[in-house]
N, C-alpha and C. Protein backbone atom coordinates (compact mmCIF):
# COMPACT_ATOMS: atom_id res chain seq x y z
N UNK A 1 -16.65 -8.58 -0.52
CA UNK A 1 -15.37 -7.92 -0.70
C UNK A 1 -15.26 -7.41 -2.13
N UNK A 2 -14.53 -6.35 -2.29
CA UNK A 2 -14.40 -5.68 -3.57
C UNK A 2 -13.01 -5.90 -4.14
N UNK A 3 -12.91 -6.28 -5.38
CA UNK A 3 -11.62 -6.59 -5.98
C UNK A 3 -11.13 -5.47 -6.88
N UNK A 4 -9.84 -5.21 -6.83
CA UNK A 4 -9.20 -4.26 -7.74
C UNK A 4 -7.93 -4.90 -8.25
N UNK A 5 -7.39 -4.38 -9.33
CA UNK A 5 -6.15 -4.93 -9.88
C UNK A 5 -4.96 -4.25 -9.22
N UNK A 6 -4.00 -5.05 -8.82
CA UNK A 6 -2.78 -4.53 -8.19
C UNK A 6 -1.62 -5.41 -8.61
N UNK A 7 -0.65 -4.83 -9.29
CA UNK A 7 0.54 -5.55 -9.72
C UNK A 7 0.18 -6.85 -10.46
N UNK A 8 -0.87 -6.78 -11.29
CA UNK A 8 -1.24 -7.94 -12.07
C UNK A 8 -2.14 -8.92 -11.34
N UNK A 9 -2.48 -8.65 -10.11
CA UNK A 9 -3.35 -9.53 -9.33
C UNK A 9 -4.62 -8.78 -8.97
N UNK A 10 -5.68 -9.53 -8.68
CA UNK A 10 -6.87 -8.90 -8.11
C UNK A 10 -6.71 -8.86 -6.61
N UNK A 11 -6.97 -7.73 -6.01
CA UNK A 11 -6.84 -7.59 -4.55
C UNK A 11 -8.10 -6.96 -3.99
N UNK A 12 -8.35 -7.20 -2.72
CA UNK A 12 -9.52 -6.59 -2.11
C UNK A 12 -9.20 -5.15 -1.73
N UNK A 13 -10.19 -4.33 -1.82
CA UNK A 13 -10.03 -2.94 -1.41
C UNK A 13 -10.48 -2.80 0.04
N UNK A 14 -10.43 -1.61 0.55
CA UNK A 14 -10.72 -1.35 1.95
C UNK A 14 -12.17 -1.62 2.29
N UNK A 15 -12.40 -2.15 3.48
CA UNK A 15 -13.75 -2.42 3.95
C UNK A 15 -14.12 -1.48 5.07
N UNK A 16 -13.57 -0.28 5.07
CA UNK A 16 -13.79 0.64 6.18
C UNK A 16 -14.78 1.75 5.85
N UNK A 17 -15.61 1.53 4.84
CA UNK A 17 -16.67 2.48 4.57
C UNK A 17 -16.28 3.64 3.68
N UNK A 18 -15.13 3.61 3.03
CA UNK A 18 -14.74 4.76 2.22
C UNK A 18 -15.35 4.71 0.82
N UNK A 19 -16.01 3.64 0.53
CA UNK A 19 -16.70 3.53 -0.76
C UNK A 19 -17.91 2.65 -0.54
N UNK A 20 -18.98 2.95 -1.22
CA UNK A 20 -20.19 2.15 -1.10
C UNK A 20 -19.91 0.79 -1.71
N UNK A 21 -19.66 -0.21 -0.86
CA UNK A 21 -19.28 -1.53 -1.36
C UNK A 21 -20.38 -2.17 -2.18
N UNK A 22 -21.64 -1.87 -1.86
CA UNK A 22 -22.72 -2.42 -2.67
C UNK A 22 -22.66 -1.86 -4.08
N UNK A 23 -22.36 -0.55 -4.17
CA UNK A 23 -22.22 0.08 -5.49
C UNK A 23 -21.04 -0.54 -6.24
N UNK A 24 -19.95 -0.76 -5.53
CA UNK A 24 -18.78 -1.37 -6.18
C UNK A 24 -19.10 -2.76 -6.70
N UNK A 25 -19.82 -3.54 -5.90
CA UNK A 25 -20.17 -4.89 -6.33
C UNK A 25 -21.07 -4.84 -7.56
N UNK A 26 -22.01 -3.90 -7.57
CA UNK A 26 -22.89 -3.76 -8.73
C UNK A 26 -22.10 -3.34 -9.96
N UNK A 27 -21.16 -2.39 -9.78
CA UNK A 27 -20.32 -1.96 -10.90
C UNK A 27 -19.56 -3.13 -11.48
N UNK A 28 -19.02 -3.98 -10.60
CA UNK A 28 -18.24 -5.12 -11.06
C UNK A 28 -19.16 -6.14 -11.75
N UNK A 29 -20.35 -6.39 -11.18
CA UNK A 29 -21.29 -7.32 -11.79
C UNK A 29 -21.69 -6.86 -13.18
N UNK A 30 -21.77 -5.55 -13.36
CA UNK A 30 -22.16 -5.00 -14.66
C UNK A 30 -20.99 -4.95 -15.63
N UNK A 31 -19.85 -5.50 -15.25
CA UNK A 31 -18.71 -5.59 -16.15
C UNK A 31 -17.80 -4.39 -16.14
N UNK A 32 -17.95 -3.50 -15.17
CA UNK A 32 -17.08 -2.32 -15.11
C UNK A 32 -15.65 -2.76 -14.85
N UNK A 33 -14.72 -2.01 -15.36
CA UNK A 33 -13.31 -2.27 -15.12
C UNK A 33 -13.01 -1.98 -13.66
N UNK A 34 -12.61 -3.03 -12.92
CA UNK A 34 -12.39 -2.88 -11.48
C UNK A 34 -11.39 -1.78 -11.16
N UNK A 35 -10.30 -1.73 -11.93
CA UNK A 35 -9.27 -0.74 -11.65
C UNK A 35 -9.82 0.67 -11.82
N UNK A 36 -10.66 0.87 -12.85
CA UNK A 36 -11.21 2.19 -13.09
C UNK A 36 -12.20 2.58 -11.99
N UNK A 37 -13.03 1.62 -11.56
CA UNK A 37 -13.95 1.90 -10.46
C UNK A 37 -13.17 2.32 -9.23
N UNK A 38 -12.10 1.58 -8.95
CA UNK A 38 -11.22 1.86 -7.81
C UNK A 38 -10.66 3.27 -7.91
N UNK A 39 -10.09 3.60 -9.05
CA UNK A 39 -9.44 4.90 -9.21
C UNK A 39 -10.44 6.05 -9.19
N UNK A 40 -11.60 5.84 -9.76
CA UNK A 40 -12.57 6.93 -9.86
C UNK A 40 -13.33 7.18 -8.58
N UNK A 41 -13.51 6.15 -7.76
CA UNK A 41 -14.45 6.28 -6.66
C UNK A 41 -13.92 5.99 -5.28
N UNK A 42 -13.02 5.05 -5.15
CA UNK A 42 -12.69 4.50 -3.85
C UNK A 42 -12.14 5.52 -2.88
N UNK A 43 -11.25 6.39 -3.35
CA UNK A 43 -10.58 7.30 -2.45
C UNK A 43 -11.25 8.66 -2.31
N UNK A 44 -12.25 8.94 -3.12
CA UNK A 44 -12.76 10.31 -3.23
C UNK A 44 -13.24 10.90 -1.91
N UNK A 45 -13.88 10.11 -1.06
CA UNK A 45 -14.42 10.66 0.18
C UNK A 45 -13.33 11.06 1.17
N UNK A 46 -12.26 10.27 1.27
CA UNK A 46 -11.28 10.48 2.34
C UNK A 46 -10.52 11.78 2.21
N UNK A 47 -10.20 12.17 0.99
CA UNK A 47 -9.43 13.40 0.80
C UNK A 47 -10.18 14.64 1.24
N UNK A 48 -11.50 14.54 1.40
CA UNK A 48 -12.31 15.70 1.75
C UNK A 48 -12.62 15.79 3.23
N UNK A 49 -12.28 14.79 4.01
CA UNK A 49 -12.62 14.78 5.43
C UNK A 49 -11.62 15.60 6.22
N UNK A 50 -12.13 16.58 6.97
CA UNK A 50 -11.27 17.49 7.72
C UNK A 50 -10.43 16.78 8.76
N UNK A 51 -10.97 15.71 9.35
CA UNK A 51 -10.24 15.03 10.42
C UNK A 51 -8.91 14.44 9.94
N UNK A 52 -8.74 14.29 8.65
CA UNK A 52 -7.52 13.70 8.13
C UNK A 52 -6.54 14.74 7.58
N UNK A 53 -6.88 16.02 7.70
CA UNK A 53 -6.03 17.05 7.12
C UNK A 53 -4.63 17.07 7.71
N UNK A 54 -4.50 16.80 9.02
CA UNK A 54 -3.16 16.80 9.62
C UNK A 54 -2.31 15.67 9.06
N UNK A 55 -2.94 14.53 8.73
CA UNK A 55 -2.20 13.43 8.12
C UNK A 55 -1.71 13.83 6.73
N UNK A 56 -2.59 14.50 5.97
CA UNK A 56 -2.23 14.94 4.61
C UNK A 56 -1.06 15.91 4.68
N UNK A 57 -1.16 16.89 5.58
CA UNK A 57 -0.11 17.90 5.71
C UNK A 57 1.22 17.25 6.05
N UNK A 58 1.22 16.36 7.03
CA UNK A 58 2.45 15.66 7.42
C UNK A 58 3.02 14.90 6.24
N UNK A 59 2.17 14.15 5.54
CA UNK A 59 2.62 13.32 4.43
C UNK A 59 3.21 14.18 3.31
N UNK A 60 2.47 15.22 2.91
CA UNK A 60 2.94 16.08 1.82
C UNK A 60 4.19 16.88 2.20
N UNK A 61 4.26 17.36 3.43
CA UNK A 61 5.41 18.15 3.87
C UNK A 61 6.69 17.33 3.99
N UNK A 62 6.54 16.02 4.06
CA UNK A 62 7.70 15.15 4.21
C UNK A 62 8.03 14.36 2.95
N UNK A 63 7.51 14.79 1.81
CA UNK A 63 7.83 14.10 0.56
C UNK A 63 9.35 14.13 0.35
N UNK A 64 9.91 12.97 0.09
CA UNK A 64 11.36 12.86 -0.08
C UNK A 64 12.10 12.70 1.23
N UNK A 65 11.36 12.73 2.33
CA UNK A 65 12.00 12.63 3.64
C UNK A 65 11.27 11.65 4.58
N UNK A 66 10.36 10.85 4.03
CA UNK A 66 9.67 9.86 4.85
C UNK A 66 10.63 8.72 5.19
N UNK A 67 10.51 8.15 6.39
CA UNK A 67 11.38 7.02 6.73
C UNK A 67 10.99 5.77 5.93
N UNK A 68 11.93 4.88 5.74
CA UNK A 68 11.67 3.62 5.04
C UNK A 68 10.85 2.71 5.96
N UNK A 69 10.05 1.83 5.38
CA UNK A 69 9.23 0.94 6.21
C UNK A 69 10.04 -0.13 6.95
N UNK A 70 11.27 -0.36 6.52
CA UNK A 70 12.17 -1.29 7.21
C UNK A 70 13.53 -0.62 7.35
N UNK A 71 14.27 -0.98 8.41
CA UNK A 71 15.57 -0.34 8.65
C UNK A 71 16.58 -0.65 7.56
N UNK A 72 16.58 -1.87 7.09
CA UNK A 72 17.51 -2.29 6.05
C UNK A 72 16.76 -3.12 5.02
N UNK A 73 17.35 -3.29 3.90
CA UNK A 73 16.73 -4.11 2.86
C UNK A 73 16.99 -3.50 1.51
N UNK A 74 17.34 -4.34 0.57
CA UNK A 74 17.62 -3.89 -0.79
C UNK A 74 16.35 -3.93 -1.62
N UNK A 75 16.14 -2.88 -2.41
CA UNK A 75 15.01 -2.85 -3.34
C UNK A 75 15.37 -3.76 -4.51
N UNK A 76 14.57 -4.81 -4.71
CA UNK A 76 14.83 -5.71 -5.83
C UNK A 76 13.77 -5.59 -6.92
N UNK A 77 12.67 -4.94 -6.62
CA UNK A 77 11.69 -4.57 -7.64
C UNK A 77 11.38 -3.10 -7.42
N UNK A 78 11.55 -2.31 -8.49
CA UNK A 78 11.31 -0.87 -8.43
C UNK A 78 9.94 -0.53 -9.01
N UNK A 79 9.50 0.67 -8.73
CA UNK A 79 8.24 1.20 -9.26
C UNK A 79 8.33 1.34 -10.77
N UNK A 80 7.23 1.07 -11.45
CA UNK A 80 7.17 1.27 -12.90
C UNK A 80 7.50 0.02 -13.68
N UNK A 81 7.87 0.21 -14.91
CA UNK A 81 8.18 -0.91 -15.81
C UNK A 81 9.68 -1.13 -15.80
N UNK A 82 10.08 -2.38 -15.63
CA UNK A 82 11.50 -2.72 -15.69
C UNK A 82 11.66 -4.13 -16.24
N UNK A 83 12.83 -4.40 -16.75
CA UNK A 83 13.15 -5.70 -17.33
C UNK A 83 13.32 -6.74 -16.22
N UNK A 84 12.81 -7.94 -16.47
CA UNK A 84 13.04 -9.06 -15.56
C UNK A 84 14.42 -9.61 -15.90
N UNK A 85 15.36 -9.56 -14.96
CA UNK A 85 16.73 -10.00 -15.25
C UNK A 85 16.78 -11.40 -15.87
N UNK A 86 17.61 -11.52 -16.91
CA UNK A 86 17.80 -12.80 -17.57
C UNK A 86 16.73 -13.16 -18.58
N UNK A 87 15.81 -12.21 -18.85
CA UNK A 87 14.75 -12.46 -19.83
C UNK A 87 14.59 -11.24 -20.73
N UNK A 88 13.73 -11.39 -21.71
CA UNK A 88 13.36 -10.26 -22.55
C UNK A 88 12.00 -9.70 -22.13
N UNK A 89 11.53 -10.13 -20.96
CA UNK A 89 10.22 -9.72 -20.46
C UNK A 89 10.33 -8.51 -19.55
N UNK A 90 9.28 -7.70 -19.53
CA UNK A 90 9.18 -6.57 -18.62
C UNK A 90 8.08 -6.82 -17.60
N UNK A 91 8.19 -6.19 -16.46
CA UNK A 91 7.12 -6.25 -15.46
C UNK A 91 6.80 -4.82 -15.05
N UNK A 92 5.54 -4.63 -14.64
CA UNK A 92 5.11 -3.32 -14.16
C UNK A 92 4.75 -3.47 -12.69
N UNK A 93 5.27 -2.59 -11.87
CA UNK A 93 5.00 -2.63 -10.44
C UNK A 93 4.43 -1.30 -9.98
N UNK A 94 3.39 -1.36 -9.16
CA UNK A 94 2.81 -0.15 -8.58
C UNK A 94 3.55 0.29 -7.32
N UNK A 95 4.57 -0.48 -6.92
CA UNK A 95 5.31 -0.14 -5.71
C UNK A 95 6.72 -0.67 -5.78
N UNK A 96 7.30 -0.90 -4.62
CA UNK A 96 8.64 -1.47 -4.55
C UNK A 96 8.59 -2.72 -3.67
N UNK A 97 9.54 -3.61 -3.90
CA UNK A 97 9.70 -4.77 -3.04
C UNK A 97 11.11 -4.76 -2.49
N UNK A 98 11.20 -5.03 -1.20
CA UNK A 98 12.50 -5.02 -0.51
C UNK A 98 12.81 -6.40 0.04
N UNK A 99 14.05 -6.85 -0.17
CA UNK A 99 14.52 -8.11 0.40
C UNK A 99 14.95 -7.85 1.83
N UNK A 100 14.30 -8.53 2.77
CA UNK A 100 14.62 -8.40 4.19
C UNK A 100 14.46 -9.78 4.84
N UNK A 101 15.16 -10.03 5.93
CA UNK A 101 14.97 -11.30 6.62
C UNK A 101 13.53 -11.42 7.14
N UNK A 102 12.97 -12.62 7.07
CA UNK A 102 11.64 -12.86 7.64
C UNK A 102 11.66 -12.46 9.11
N UNK A 103 10.63 -11.76 9.55
CA UNK A 103 10.54 -11.33 10.94
C UNK A 103 11.05 -9.93 11.19
N UNK A 104 11.45 -9.22 10.13
CA UNK A 104 11.91 -7.84 10.26
C UNK A 104 10.73 -6.93 10.62
N UNK A 105 10.93 -6.01 11.55
CA UNK A 105 9.87 -5.06 11.92
C UNK A 105 9.55 -4.16 10.74
N UNK A 106 8.25 -4.03 10.43
CA UNK A 106 7.76 -3.16 9.36
C UNK A 106 7.03 -2.00 10.03
N UNK A 107 7.43 -0.77 9.67
CA UNK A 107 6.92 0.42 10.34
C UNK A 107 6.14 1.33 9.39
N UNK A 108 5.20 2.06 9.97
CA UNK A 108 4.48 3.06 9.19
C UNK A 108 5.45 4.16 8.80
N UNK A 109 5.34 4.66 7.58
CA UNK A 109 6.24 5.71 7.12
C UNK A 109 5.75 7.10 7.49
N UNK A 110 4.51 7.19 7.99
CA UNK A 110 3.94 8.50 8.33
C UNK A 110 2.80 8.32 9.32
N UNK A 111 2.40 9.43 9.94
CA UNK A 111 1.23 9.41 10.82
C UNK A 111 0.01 9.05 9.99
N UNK A 112 -0.90 8.29 10.58
CA UNK A 112 -2.10 7.91 9.85
C UNK A 112 -3.03 7.05 10.67
N UNK A 113 -3.96 6.44 9.96
CA UNK A 113 -4.97 5.59 10.61
C UNK A 113 -5.06 4.28 9.83
N UNK A 114 -5.11 3.16 10.55
CA UNK A 114 -5.17 1.85 9.91
C UNK A 114 -6.53 1.69 9.23
N UNK A 115 -6.51 1.48 7.90
CA UNK A 115 -7.75 1.32 7.14
C UNK A 115 -8.09 -0.14 6.88
N UNK A 116 -7.07 -0.99 6.82
CA UNK A 116 -7.32 -2.40 6.48
C UNK A 116 -6.21 -3.26 7.04
N UNK A 117 -6.59 -4.39 7.62
CA UNK A 117 -5.66 -5.43 8.03
C UNK A 117 -6.30 -6.74 7.60
N UNK A 118 -5.67 -7.45 6.69
CA UNK A 118 -6.27 -8.71 6.25
C UNK A 118 -5.55 -9.30 5.07
N UNK A 119 -6.18 -10.29 4.50
CA UNK A 119 -5.61 -11.08 3.42
C UNK A 119 -5.82 -10.42 2.06
N UNK A 120 -4.78 -10.37 1.27
CA UNK A 120 -4.84 -9.95 -0.13
C UNK A 120 -4.07 -10.99 -0.93
N UNK A 121 -4.78 -11.80 -1.70
CA UNK A 121 -4.15 -12.85 -2.50
C UNK A 121 -3.26 -13.76 -1.68
N UNK A 122 -3.68 -14.09 -0.49
CA UNK A 122 -2.90 -14.99 0.34
C UNK A 122 -1.81 -14.33 1.15
N UNK A 123 -1.68 -13.02 1.04
CA UNK A 123 -0.65 -12.29 1.79
C UNK A 123 -1.30 -11.37 2.81
N UNK A 124 -0.81 -11.39 4.03
CA UNK A 124 -1.28 -10.45 5.04
C UNK A 124 -0.87 -9.05 4.61
N UNK A 125 -1.84 -8.15 4.58
CA UNK A 125 -1.63 -6.78 4.09
C UNK A 125 -2.19 -5.78 5.08
N UNK A 126 -1.47 -4.67 5.24
CA UNK A 126 -1.94 -3.57 6.07
C UNK A 126 -1.97 -2.32 5.20
N UNK A 127 -3.07 -1.58 5.30
CA UNK A 127 -3.19 -0.31 4.58
C UNK A 127 -3.36 0.79 5.61
N UNK A 128 -2.52 1.82 5.50
CA UNK A 128 -2.58 2.96 6.40
C UNK A 128 -3.06 4.16 5.58
N UNK A 129 -4.04 4.86 6.13
CA UNK A 129 -4.57 6.04 5.47
C UNK A 129 -3.89 7.27 6.04
N UNK A 130 -3.40 8.12 5.16
CA UNK A 130 -2.75 9.38 5.55
C UNK A 130 -3.56 10.50 4.90
N UNK A 131 -4.81 10.66 5.29
CA UNK A 131 -5.69 11.63 4.63
C UNK A 131 -5.98 11.15 3.23
N UNK A 132 -5.54 11.91 2.23
CA UNK A 132 -5.81 11.52 0.85
C UNK A 132 -4.73 10.63 0.25
N UNK A 133 -3.82 10.17 1.08
CA UNK A 133 -2.79 9.21 0.64
C UNK A 133 -2.94 7.91 1.42
N UNK A 134 -2.55 6.83 0.79
CA UNK A 134 -2.63 5.51 1.41
C UNK A 134 -1.30 4.78 1.18
N UNK A 135 -0.80 4.13 2.22
CA UNK A 135 0.37 3.26 2.05
C UNK A 135 -0.07 1.83 2.29
N UNK A 136 0.47 0.93 1.49
CA UNK A 136 0.11 -0.48 1.57
C UNK A 136 1.37 -1.30 1.82
N UNK A 137 1.30 -2.20 2.78
CA UNK A 137 2.42 -3.05 3.18
C UNK A 137 1.95 -4.50 3.02
N UNK A 138 2.63 -5.28 2.19
CA UNK A 138 2.23 -6.67 1.98
C UNK A 138 3.40 -7.61 2.24
N UNK A 139 3.13 -8.91 2.13
CA UNK A 139 4.06 -10.00 2.46
C UNK A 139 4.38 -9.99 3.95
N UNK A 140 3.38 -9.67 4.77
CA UNK A 140 3.62 -9.62 6.21
C UNK A 140 3.38 -10.99 6.85
N UNK A 141 4.11 -11.25 7.92
CA UNK A 141 3.97 -12.50 8.67
C UNK A 141 2.93 -12.35 9.78
N UNK A 142 2.86 -11.14 10.36
CA UNK A 142 1.85 -10.86 11.38
C UNK A 142 1.59 -9.37 11.44
N UNK A 143 0.51 -9.02 12.14
CA UNK A 143 0.13 -7.61 12.30
C UNK A 143 0.06 -7.30 13.79
N UNK A 144 0.50 -6.09 14.15
CA UNK A 144 0.45 -5.66 15.55
C UNK A 144 -0.50 -4.47 15.73
N UNK A 145 -1.27 -4.16 14.68
CA UNK A 145 -2.21 -3.04 14.70
C UNK A 145 -3.60 -3.53 14.31
N UNK A 146 -4.60 -2.69 14.57
CA UNK A 146 -5.99 -3.02 14.25
C UNK A 146 -6.62 -1.90 13.43
N UNK A 147 -7.64 -2.25 12.65
CA UNK A 147 -8.38 -1.27 11.87
C UNK A 147 -8.92 -0.18 12.79
N UNK A 148 -8.74 1.07 12.37
CA UNK A 148 -9.21 2.21 13.14
C UNK A 148 -8.16 2.81 14.07
N UNK A 149 -7.09 2.09 14.28
CA UNK A 149 -6.02 2.55 15.18
C UNK A 149 -5.21 3.67 14.51
N UNK A 150 -4.94 4.73 15.26
CA UNK A 150 -4.06 5.78 14.76
C UNK A 150 -2.62 5.39 15.04
N UNK A 151 -1.75 5.67 14.08
CA UNK A 151 -0.33 5.34 14.22
C UNK A 151 0.51 6.55 13.91
N UNK A 152 1.71 6.57 14.43
CA UNK A 152 2.70 7.62 14.15
C UNK A 152 3.73 7.06 13.18
N UNK A 153 4.48 7.94 12.56
CA UNK A 153 5.61 7.50 11.74
C UNK A 153 6.53 6.68 12.64
N UNK A 154 6.91 5.50 12.19
CA UNK A 154 7.79 4.64 12.96
C UNK A 154 7.08 3.59 13.79
N UNK A 155 5.75 3.67 13.90
CA UNK A 155 5.00 2.65 14.63
C UNK A 155 5.16 1.30 13.94
N UNK A 156 5.48 0.26 14.71
CA UNK A 156 5.61 -1.08 14.13
C UNK A 156 4.21 -1.58 13.78
N UNK A 157 4.03 -1.93 12.51
CA UNK A 157 2.75 -2.44 12.02
C UNK A 157 2.68 -3.96 12.12
N UNK A 158 3.84 -4.60 11.99
CA UNK A 158 3.91 -6.05 12.00
C UNK A 158 5.31 -6.49 11.63
N UNK A 159 5.44 -7.79 11.33
CA UNK A 159 6.72 -8.37 10.93
C UNK A 159 6.65 -8.85 9.50
N UNK A 160 7.78 -8.77 8.81
CA UNK A 160 7.83 -9.20 7.42
C UNK A 160 7.69 -10.70 7.30
N UNK A 161 7.17 -11.11 6.15
CA UNK A 161 7.02 -12.52 5.84
C UNK A 161 7.88 -12.89 4.64
N UNK A 162 7.28 -13.63 3.70
CA UNK A 162 8.01 -14.06 2.51
C UNK A 162 7.22 -13.68 1.26
N UNK A 163 7.95 -13.53 0.14
CA UNK A 163 7.32 -13.21 -1.13
C UNK A 163 6.85 -14.49 -1.83
N UNK A 164 6.43 -14.36 -3.08
CA UNK A 164 5.92 -15.51 -3.84
C UNK A 164 6.98 -16.58 -4.07
N UNK A 165 8.25 -16.19 -4.01
CA UNK A 165 9.34 -17.14 -4.19
C UNK A 165 9.79 -17.75 -2.86
N UNK A 166 9.13 -17.40 -1.78
CA UNK A 166 9.48 -17.95 -0.47
C UNK A 166 10.67 -17.27 0.18
N UNK A 167 11.05 -16.11 -0.35
CA UNK A 167 12.18 -15.36 0.21
C UNK A 167 11.67 -14.22 1.08
N UNK A 168 12.42 -13.88 2.13
CA UNK A 168 12.02 -12.79 3.02
C UNK A 168 11.90 -11.48 2.26
N UNK A 169 10.76 -10.81 2.44
CA UNK A 169 10.53 -9.58 1.67
C UNK A 169 9.33 -8.83 2.24
N UNK A 170 9.21 -7.57 1.81
CA UNK A 170 7.96 -6.81 1.96
C UNK A 170 7.73 -6.06 0.66
N UNK A 171 6.48 -5.78 0.40
CA UNK A 171 6.09 -4.95 -0.73
C UNK A 171 5.49 -3.68 -0.15
N UNK A 172 5.86 -2.53 -0.71
CA UNK A 172 5.41 -1.24 -0.19
C UNK A 172 4.90 -0.38 -1.34
N UNK A 173 3.70 0.17 -1.18
CA UNK A 173 3.08 0.97 -2.22
C UNK A 173 2.48 2.24 -1.63
N UNK A 174 2.35 3.28 -2.47
CA UNK A 174 1.69 4.53 -2.08
C UNK A 174 0.67 4.86 -3.17
N UNK A 175 -0.56 5.18 -2.73
CA UNK A 175 -1.61 5.61 -3.66
C UNK A 175 -2.14 6.97 -3.22
N UNK A 176 -2.60 7.76 -4.20
CA UNK A 176 -3.27 9.01 -3.83
C UNK A 176 -4.77 8.76 -3.76
N UNK A 177 -5.56 9.82 -3.50
CA UNK A 177 -7.00 9.66 -3.30
C UNK A 177 -7.74 9.20 -4.54
N UNK A 178 -7.11 9.27 -5.69
CA UNK A 178 -7.74 8.82 -6.92
C UNK A 178 -7.33 7.39 -7.27
N UNK A 179 -6.55 6.78 -6.40
CA UNK A 179 -6.12 5.41 -6.64
C UNK A 179 -4.94 5.30 -7.58
N UNK A 180 -4.26 6.41 -7.83
CA UNK A 180 -3.09 6.41 -8.71
C UNK A 180 -1.86 6.05 -7.88
N UNK A 181 -1.14 5.04 -8.36
CA UNK A 181 0.08 4.62 -7.67
C UNK A 181 1.16 5.68 -7.84
N UNK A 182 1.89 5.95 -6.75
CA UNK A 182 2.98 6.93 -6.75
C UNK A 182 4.29 6.19 -6.47
N UNK A 183 5.38 6.69 -7.02
CA UNK A 183 6.68 6.06 -6.83
C UNK A 183 7.13 6.21 -5.38
N UNK A 184 7.17 5.12 -4.60
CA UNK A 184 7.55 5.24 -3.20
C UNK A 184 8.95 5.82 -2.98
N UNK A 185 9.88 5.51 -3.88
CA UNK A 185 11.25 5.99 -3.68
C UNK A 185 11.35 7.51 -3.78
N UNK A 186 10.40 8.16 -4.45
CA UNK A 186 10.42 9.62 -4.51
C UNK A 186 9.86 10.24 -3.23
N UNK A 187 9.22 9.45 -2.39
CA UNK A 187 8.65 9.93 -1.13
C UNK A 187 9.55 9.59 0.04
N UNK A 188 10.37 8.56 -0.08
CA UNK A 188 11.22 8.10 1.02
C UNK A 188 12.57 8.80 1.04
N UNK A 189 13.19 8.83 2.23
CA UNK A 189 14.53 9.43 2.36
C UNK A 189 15.50 8.72 1.45
N UNK A 190 16.46 9.48 0.91
CA UNK A 190 17.53 8.87 0.14
C UNK A 190 18.42 8.11 1.09
N UNK A 191 18.67 6.84 0.80
CA UNK A 191 19.46 5.98 1.71
C UNK A 191 20.95 6.13 1.52
N UNK A 192 21.39 6.85 0.53
CA UNK A 192 22.85 6.92 0.25
C UNK A 192 23.55 7.89 1.14
């Protein structure tokens, strides 16, 4: 398995053949920065594959209008750097975290193909590929999809679990083909 940095943790990357995992392992053994290897190489092949062009078009055409991965839930961690309430410390997040009751249905925000279903730092995680974009859903309690399965916007991927504090939550992230994290709230419908 190949590790990359995500929100201050090392996480496994996709095992679906989008990057030469042997090359990645060698890069890591040679002391390469995992995050840089991830950003420079991991996504490069997918953005060029014609079979995923309809996913890319759908995703890009719906920027600012994608459905939320859960029907309800308050964002308690936003994308980027923000102050940790009650402290003088800041945290950096590559995505958003939403407070939701455990067992809440988590849905794909766009048409795509399941690239990964498995454990990331002890959390069940699902990654959906939308051509040259990827959405990542973590803190899941279970999964109802399998790697290679095509999904539509609104397809239930699984049920929410709990965050590191044991509270009901999901974490949602968007990456482009270069592994650059994008602000999910700029892609999702305005809830107001």
